[in-house]
Amino acid sequence: MSSKRKMMAYGHSWVDGDGASSPSSCFTSRAAVELRLELDNRGVGGSNSTGTAALIAATPPPPASLYVLMTGLNDLRLGGESPSSARGYAAALQRIFTAIRRASPSALVVAVMQPYLLDFSLYAPHNLGSNSLIDQYNSVLRRAAAEYSRVALAEADDWDPETMLSADTVHPNDAGHASLARAVSNRAKVNQTHKTHINS
């Protein structure tokens, strides 16, 4: 598989496809099809950012033209308001971005900002999150991305938690995955056109 036509995906269960009705409905699969890239999906359900960083350290990412990252939701659902959890997230992002940049210095990285949920009260001990914490962690992601060239942020502008979350309240349904896929593919296309560092 040529690295010029390859998309690597890392992160938590949303990346892995939880909530989607089929593997092809996962947002990473949809985005890869839209961008005409071959997908290597290394998302791990239940993982946090530290776990993703450890995975990348243990098996350095192969060269690719596009890397997609979505992580942090499990950090905030477990860590809640703990400052150490947010610091751990920031440190993990630095390790992840550094490792990817080392693997493919000129490749684009699209980091997906976490959309809102409706209910954080289930699945203890992962029940400490909130949408205000999502805002906080997205700010951490924005600051980390700004430190690296060719790292762009993707935000699902049409996200609607009322209609885009599955019955488990944690994962996106097919409509949610489609929304995230649009965000990723649109951001990648903008960067392919302008070849600039975009963080908004």
C-alpha atoms as a PDB file:
ATOM      1  CA  MET A   1       0.000   0.000   0.000  1.00  0.00           C
ATOM      2  CA  SER A   2       1.502   3.316  -1.053  1.00  0.00           C
ATOM      3  CA  SER A   3       1.902   5.820   1.778  1.00  0.00           C
ATOM      4  CA  LYS A   4       0.637   8.474  -0.650  1.00  0.00           C
ATOM      5  CA  ARG A   5      -2.799   6.849  -0.678  1.00  0.00           C
ATOM      6  CA  LYS A   6      -3.016   5.754   2.944  1.00  0.00           C
ATOM      7  CA  MET A   7      -5.034   7.102   5.877  1.00  0.00           C
ATOM      8  CA  MET A   8      -4.119   6.077   9.420  1.00  0.00           C
ATOM      9  CA  ALA A   9      -6.729   6.467  12.184  1.00  0.00           C
ATOM     10  CA  TYR A  10      -6.049   6.433  15.935  1.00  0.00           C
ATOM     11  CA  GLY A  11      -8.174   6.999  19.011  1.00  0.00           C
ATOM     12  CA  HIS A  12     -11.095   5.760  21.062  1.00  0.00           C
ATOM     13  CA  SER A  13     -14.230   3.750  20.294  1.00  0.00           C
ATOM     14  CA  TRP A  14     -15.707   6.343  17.940  1.00  0.00           C
ATOM     15  CA  VAL A  15     -12.689   5.828  15.684  1.00  0.00           C
ATOM     16  CA  ASP A  16     -13.083   2.074  16.054  1.00  0.00           C
ATOM     17  CA  GLY A  17     -16.676   2.371  14.821  1.00  0.00           C
ATOM     18  CA  ASP A  18     -18.796   1.833  17.923  1.00  0.00           C
ATOM     19  CA  GLY A  19     -22.390   2.932  17.368  1.00  0.00           C
ATOM     20  CA  ALA A  20     -22.206   2.510  13.591  1.00  0.00           C
ATOM     21  CA  SER A  21     -24.465  -0.085  11.994  1.00  0.00           C
ATOM     22  CA  SER A  22     -21.577  -1.527   9.966  1.00  0.00           C
ATOM     23  CA  PRO A  23     -17.821  -1.022   9.579  1.00  0.00           C
ATOM     24  CA  SER A  24     -18.404   0.940   6.384  1.00  0.00           C
ATOM     25  CA  SER A  25     -20.649   3.378   8.294  1.00  0.00           C
ATOM     26  CA  CYS A  26     -17.865   4.366  10.713  1.00  0.00           C
ATOM     27  CA  PHE A  27     -16.725   7.954  10.202  1.00  0.00           C
ATOM     28  CA  THR A  28     -13.150   6.901   9.479  1.00  0.00           C
ATOM     29  CA  SER A  29     -14.322   4.514   6.761  1.00  0.00           C
ATOM     30  CA  ARG A  30     -16.643   7.125   5.272  1.00  0.00           C
ATOM     31  CA  ALA A  31     -13.923   9.765   5.248  1.00  0.00           C
ATOM     32  CA  ALA A  32     -11.407   7.410   3.651  1.00  0.00           C
ATOM     33  CA  VAL A  33     -13.858   6.603   0.858  1.00  0.00           C
ATOM     34  CA  GLU A  34     -14.622  10.276   0.308  1.00  0.00           C
ATOM     35  CA  LEU A  35     -10.910  11.109   0.141  1.00  0.00           C
ATOM     36  CA  ARG A  36     -10.068   8.018  -1.955  1.00  0.00           C
ATOM     37  CA  LEU A  37      -7.602   6.722   0.609  1.00  0.00           C
ATOM     38  CA  GLU A  38      -6.969   3.225   1.905  1.00  0.00           C
ATOM     39  CA  LEU A  39      -7.783   3.063   5.615  1.00  0.00           C
ATOM     40  CA  ASP A  40      -5.623   1.527   8.315  1.00  0.00           C
ATOM     41  CA  ASN A  41      -7.827   1.892  11.394  1.00  0.00           C
ATOM     42  CA  ARG A  42      -6.043   1.454  14.723  1.00  0.00           C
ATOM     43  CA  GLY A  43      -8.766   2.829  16.961  1.00  0.00           C
ATOM     44  CA  VAL A  44      -9.226   0.992  20.265  1.00  0.00           C
ATOM     45  CA  GLY A  45     -12.538   0.973  22.105  1.00  0.00           C
ATOM     46  CA  GLY A  46     -12.299   2.219  25.673  1.00  0.00           C
ATOM     47  CA  SER A  47      -8.868   3.774  25.210  1.00  0.00           C
ATOM     48  CA  ASN A  48      -7.785   7.134  26.557  1.00  0.00           C
ATOM     49  CA  SER A  49      -5.175   9.479  25.154  1.00  0.00           C
ATOM     50  CA  THR A  50      -2.391   7.906  27.208  1.00  0.00           C
ATOM     51  CA  GLY A  51      -3.296   4.520  25.776  1.00  0.00           C
ATOM     52  CA  THR A  52      -3.229   5.898  22.241  1.00  0.00           C
ATOM     53  CA  ALA A  53       0.170   7.472  22.883  1.00  0.00           C
ATOM     54  CA  ALA A  54       1.456   4.159  24.261  1.00  0.00           C
ATOM     55  CA  LEU A  55       0.120   2.287  21.232  1.00  0.00           C
ATOM     56  CA  ILE A  56       1.917   4.660  18.878  1.00  0.00           C
ATOM     57  CA  ALA A  57       5.126   4.433  20.915  1.00  0.00           C
ATOM     58  CA  ALA A  58       5.038   0.633  20.865  1.00  0.00           C
ATOM     59  CA  THR A  59       4.306   0.471  17.128  1.00  0.00           C
ATOM     60  CA  PRO A  60       5.430   3.671  15.408  1.00  0.00           C
ATOM     61  CA  PRO A  61       2.942   4.857  12.792  1.00  0.00           C
ATOM     62  CA  PRO A  62       3.825   3.871   9.238  1.00  0.00           C
ATOM     63  CA  PRO A  63       4.119   6.593   6.604  1.00  0.00           C
ATOM     64  CA  ALA A  64       0.784   7.868   5.322  1.00  0.00           C
ATOM     65  CA  SER A  65      -0.645  10.883   3.545  1.00  0.00           C
ATOM     66  CA  LEU A  66      -3.275  11.510   6.230  1.00  0.00           C
ATOM     67  CA  TYR A  67      -3.522  10.733   9.936  1.00  0.00           C
ATOM     68  CA  VAL A  68      -6.818  11.075  11.784  1.00  0.00           C
ATOM     69  CA  LEU A  69      -6.853  11.337  15.582  1.00  0.00           C
ATOM     70  CA  MET A  70      -9.793  11.453  17.970  1.00  0.00           C
ATOM     71  CA  THR A  71      -9.081  10.940  21.647  1.00  0.00           C
ATOM     72  CA  GLY A  72      -9.763  12.460  25.073  1.00  0.00           C
ATOM     73  CA  LEU A  73     -13.405  11.543  25.710  1.00  0.00           C
ATOM     74  CA  ASN A  74     -12.521   8.695  28.056  1.00  0.00           C
ATOM     75  CA  ASP A  75      -9.952  10.868  29.820  1.00  0.00           C
ATOM     76  CA  LEU A  76     -12.581  13.404  30.824  1.00  0.00           C
ATOM     77  CA  ARG A  77     -15.296  10.828  31.535  1.00  0.00           C
ATOM     78  CA  LEU A  78     -12.975   9.091  34.006  1.00  0.00           C
ATOM     79  CA  GLY A  79     -10.928  12.022  35.299  1.00  0.00           C
ATOM     80  CA  GLY A  80     -13.674  14.592  35.618  1.00  0.00           C
ATOM     81  CA  GLU A  81     -12.434  17.933  36.926  1.00  0.00           C
ATOM     82  CA  SER A  82      -9.039  16.524  37.913  1.00  0.00           C
ATOM     83  CA  PRO A  83      -6.283  18.890  36.706  1.00  0.00           C
ATOM     84  CA  SER A  84      -3.909  15.940  36.438  1.00  0.00           C
ATOM     85  CA  SER A  85      -6.215  14.290  33.918  1.00  0.00           C
ATOM     86  CA  ALA A  86      -6.185  17.360  31.670  1.00  0.00           C
ATOM     87  CA  ARG A  87      -2.404  17.619  32.020  1.00  0.00           C
ATOM     88  CA  GLY A  88      -2.065  13.966  31.099  1.00  0.00           C
ATOM     89  CA  TYR A  89      -4.186  14.578  28.026  1.00  0.00           C
ATOM     90  CA  ALA A  90      -2.004  17.505  26.937  1.00  0.00           C
ATOM     91  CA  ALA A  91       1.174  15.470  27.437  1.00  0.00           C
ATOM     92  CA  ALA A  92      -0.259  12.527  25.494  1.00  0.00           C
ATOM     93  CA  LEU A  93      -1.188  14.782  22.586  1.00  0.00           C
ATOM     94  CA  GLN A  94       2.366  16.067  22.416  1.00  0.00           C
ATOM     95  CA  ARG A  95       3.722  12.513  22.288  1.00  0.00           C
ATOM     96  CA  ILE A  96       1.217  11.523  19.612  1.00  0.00           C
ATOM     97  CA  PHE A  97       1.813  14.529  17.361  1.00  0.00           C
ATOM     98  CA  THR A  98       5.582  14.246  17.741  1.00  0.00           C
ATOM     99  CA  ALA A  99       5.555  10.559  16.799  1.00  0.00           C
ATOM    100  CA  ILE A 100       3.360  11.159  13.756  1.00  0.00           C
ATOM    101  CA  ARG A 101       5.443  14.110  12.619  1.00  0.00           C
ATOM    102  CA  ARG A 102       8.566  11.970  12.946  1.00  0.00           C
ATOM    103  CA  ALA A 103       6.972   9.220  10.830  1.00  0.00           C
ATOM    104  CA  SER A 104       5.700  11.527   8.073  1.00  0.00           C
ATOM    105  CA  PRO A 105       7.053  15.079   8.348  1.00  0.00           C
ATOM    106  CA  SER A 106       4.892  16.512   5.562  1.00  0.00           C
ATOM    107  CA  ALA A 107       1.698  14.505   6.083  1.00  0.00           C
ATOM    108  CA  LEU A 108      -1.529  16.130   7.189  1.00  0.00           C
ATOM    109  CA  VAL A 109      -2.903  15.314  10.629  1.00  0.00           C
ATOM    110  CA  VAL A 110      -6.616  15.920  11.196  1.00  0.00           C
ATOM    111  CA  ALA A 111      -7.467  15.961  14.900  1.00  0.00           C
ATOM    112  CA  VAL A 112     -11.199  15.651  15.552  1.00  0.00           C
ATOM    113  CA  MET A 113     -12.700  17.847  18.232  1.00  0.00           C
ATOM    114  CA  GLN A 114     -15.073  16.054  20.593  1.00  0.00           C
ATOM    115  CA  PRO A 115     -18.763  16.889  20.075  1.00  0.00           C
ATOM    116  CA  TYR A 116     -21.207  17.176  22.960  1.00  0.00           C
ATOM    117  CA  LEU A 117     -23.059  14.315  24.598  1.00  0.00           C
ATOM    118  CA  LEU A 118     -26.451  14.418  26.294  1.00  0.00           C
ATOM    119  CA  ASP A 119     -25.941  12.262  29.383  1.00  0.00           C
ATOM    120  CA  PHE A 120     -22.712  11.556  31.260  1.00  0.00           C
ATOM    121  CA  SER A 121     -24.305   9.794  34.227  1.00  0.00           C
ATOM    122  CA  LEU A 122     -23.997   6.180  33.078  1.00  0.00           C
ATOM    123  CA  TYR A 123     -21.178   3.620  33.075  1.00  0.00           C
ATOM    124  CA  ALA A 124     -19.400   4.425  36.345  1.00  0.00           C
ATOM    125  CA  PRO A 125     -16.576   5.111  36.938  1.00  0.00           C
ATOM    126  CA  HIS A 126     -16.669   6.761  33.483  1.00  0.00           C
ATOM    127  CA  ASN A 127     -19.479   9.076  34.571  1.00  0.00           C
ATOM    128  CA  LEU A 128     -17.591  12.224  35.580  1.00  0.00           C
ATOM    129  CA  GLY A 129     -17.716  14.144  32.313  1.00  0.00           C
ATOM    130  CA  SER A 130     -19.700  17.160  31.199  1.00  0.00           C
ATOM    131  CA  ASN A 131     -20.028  19.318  28.122  1.00  0.00           C
ATOM    132  CA  SER A 132     -18.081  22.054  29.882  1.00  0.00           C
ATOM    133  CA  LEU A 133     -15.235  19.574  30.243  1.00  0.00           C
ATOM    134  CA  ILE A 134     -15.529  18.771  26.548  1.00  0.00           C
ATOM    135  CA  ASP A 135     -15.002  22.492  25.893  1.00  0.00           C
ATOM    136  CA  GLN A 136     -11.966  22.451  28.173  1.00  0.00           C
ATOM    137  CA  TYR A 137     -10.414  19.413  26.517  1.00  0.00           C
ATOM    138  CA  ASN A 138     -11.079  20.814  23.049  1.00  0.00           C
ATOM    139  CA  SER A 139      -9.185  23.919  24.128  1.00  0.00           C
ATOM    140  CA  VAL A 140      -6.273  21.724  25.205  1.00  0.00           C
ATOM    141  CA  LEU A 141      -6.373  20.056  21.797  1.00  0.00           C
ATOM    142  CA  ARG A 142      -6.415  23.405  20.026  1.00  0.00           C
ATOM    143  CA  ARG A 143      -3.341  24.587  21.932  1.00  0.00           C
ATOM    144  CA  ALA A 144      -1.462  21.342  21.281  1.00  0.00           C
ATOM    145  CA  ALA A 145      -2.291  21.382  17.557  1.00  0.00           C
ATOM    146  CA  ALA A 146      -1.040  24.954  17.220  1.00  0.00           C
ATOM    147  CA  GLU A 147       2.461  23.800  18.161  1.00  0.00           C
ATOM    148  CA  TYR A 148       2.813  21.563  15.102  1.00  0.00           C
ATOM    149  CA  SER A 149       2.840  22.231  11.377  1.00  0.00           C
ATOM    150  CA  ARG A 150       0.264  20.509   9.175  1.00  0.00           C
ATOM    151  CA  VAL A 151      -2.082  19.699  12.066  1.00  0.00           C
ATOM    152  CA  ALA A 152      -5.672  20.758  11.374  1.00  0.00           C
ATOM    153  CA  LEU A 153      -8.714  20.599  13.606  1.00  0.00           C
ATOM    154  CA  ALA A 154     -11.991  19.106  12.381  1.00  0.00           C
ATOM    155  CA  GLU A 155     -15.236  20.112  14.077  1.00  0.00           C
ATOM    156  CA  ALA A 156     -18.626  18.615  13.239  1.00  0.00           C
ATOM    157  CA  ASP A 157     -20.474  21.886  12.652  1.00  0.00           C
ATOM    158  CA  ASP A 158     -23.817  20.173  12.041  1.00  0.00           C
ATOM    159  CA  TRP A 159     -23.584  17.940  15.124  1.00  0.00           C
ATOM    160  CA  ASP A 160     -26.906  17.374  16.911  1.00  0.00           C
ATOM    161  CA  PRO A 161     -26.636  15.201  20.038  1.00  0.00           C
ATOM    162  CA  GLU A 162     -30.408  14.759  20.084  1.00  0.00           C
ATOM    163  CA  THR A 163     -30.372  12.857  16.805  1.00  0.00           C
ATOM    164  CA  MET A 164     -26.764  11.749  16.303  1.00  0.00           C
ATOM    165  CA  LEU A 165     -26.075   9.655  19.398  1.00  0.00           C
ATOM    166  CA  SER A 166     -26.903   5.968  19.717  1.00  0.00           C
ATOM    167  CA  ALA A 167     -29.191   4.635  22.447  1.00  0.00           C
ATOM    168  CA  ASP A 168     -26.209   4.003  24.742  1.00  0.00           C
ATOM    169  CA  THR A 169     -25.787   7.828  25.021  1.00  0.00           C
ATOM    170  CA  VAL A 170     -22.012   7.573  24.454  1.00  0.00           C
ATOM    171  CA  HIS A 171     -21.408   6.671  20.808  1.00  0.00           C
ATOM    172  CA  PRO A 172     -22.552   8.221  17.529  1.00  0.00           C
ATOM    173  CA  ASN A 173     -25.175   6.486  15.416  1.00  0.00           C
ATOM    174  CA  ASP A 174     -24.894   6.387  11.629  1.00  0.00           C
ATOM    175  CA  ALA A 175     -25.999  10.023  11.342  1.00  0.00           C
ATOM    176  CA  GLY A 176     -23.362  11.027  13.881  1.00  0.00           C
ATOM    177  CA  HIS A 177     -20.647   9.078  12.087  1.00  0.00           C
ATOM    178  CA  ALA A 178     -21.700  10.743   8.822  1.00  0.00           C
ATOM    179  CA  SER A 179     -21.391  14.175  10.454  1.00  0.00           C
ATOM    180  CA  LEU A 180     -17.885  13.412  11.708  1.00  0.00           C
ATOM    181  CA  ALA A 181     -16.873  12.015   8.307  1.00  0.00           C
ATOM    182  CA  ARG A 182     -17.941  15.241   6.640  1.00  0.00           C
ATOM    183  CA  ALA A 183     -15.889  17.251   9.126  1.00  0.00           C
ATOM    184  CA  VAL A 184     -12.780  15.161   8.503  1.00  0.00           C
ATOM    185  CA  SER A 185     -13.053  15.038   4.721  1.00  0.00           C
ATOM    186  CA  ASN A 186     -13.888  18.740   4.431  1.00  0.00           C
ATOM    187  CA  ARG A 187     -10.925  19.722   6.587  1.00  0.00           C
ATOM    188  CA  ALA A 188      -8.594  17.440   4.649  1.00  0.00           C
ATOM    189  CA  LYS A 189      -9.788  18.867   1.331  1.00  0.00           C
ATOM    190  CA  VAL A 190      -9.257  22.447   2.524  1.00  0.00           C
ATOM    191  CA  ASN A 191      -5.697  21.642   3.517  1.00  0.00           C
ATOM    192  CA  GLN A 192      -5.007  19.782   0.284  1.00  0.00           C
ATOM    193  CA  THR A 193      -6.148  22.863  -1.627  1.00  0.00           C
ATOM    194  CA  HIS A 194      -4.338  25.534   0.377  1.00  0.00           C
ATOM    195  CA  LYS A 195      -1.496  23.484   1.897  1.00  0.00           C
ATOM    196  CA  THR A 196      -1.489  25.727   4.948  1.00  0.00           C
ATOM    197  CA  HIS A 197      -1.578  25.149   8.696  1.00  0.00           C
ATOM    198  CA  ILE A 198      -5.235  25.529   9.652  1.00  0.00           C
ATOM    199  CA  ASN A 199      -6.416  25.211  13.251  1.00  0.00           C
ATOM    200  CA  SER A 200      -9.954  26.501  13.055  1.00  0.00           C
END
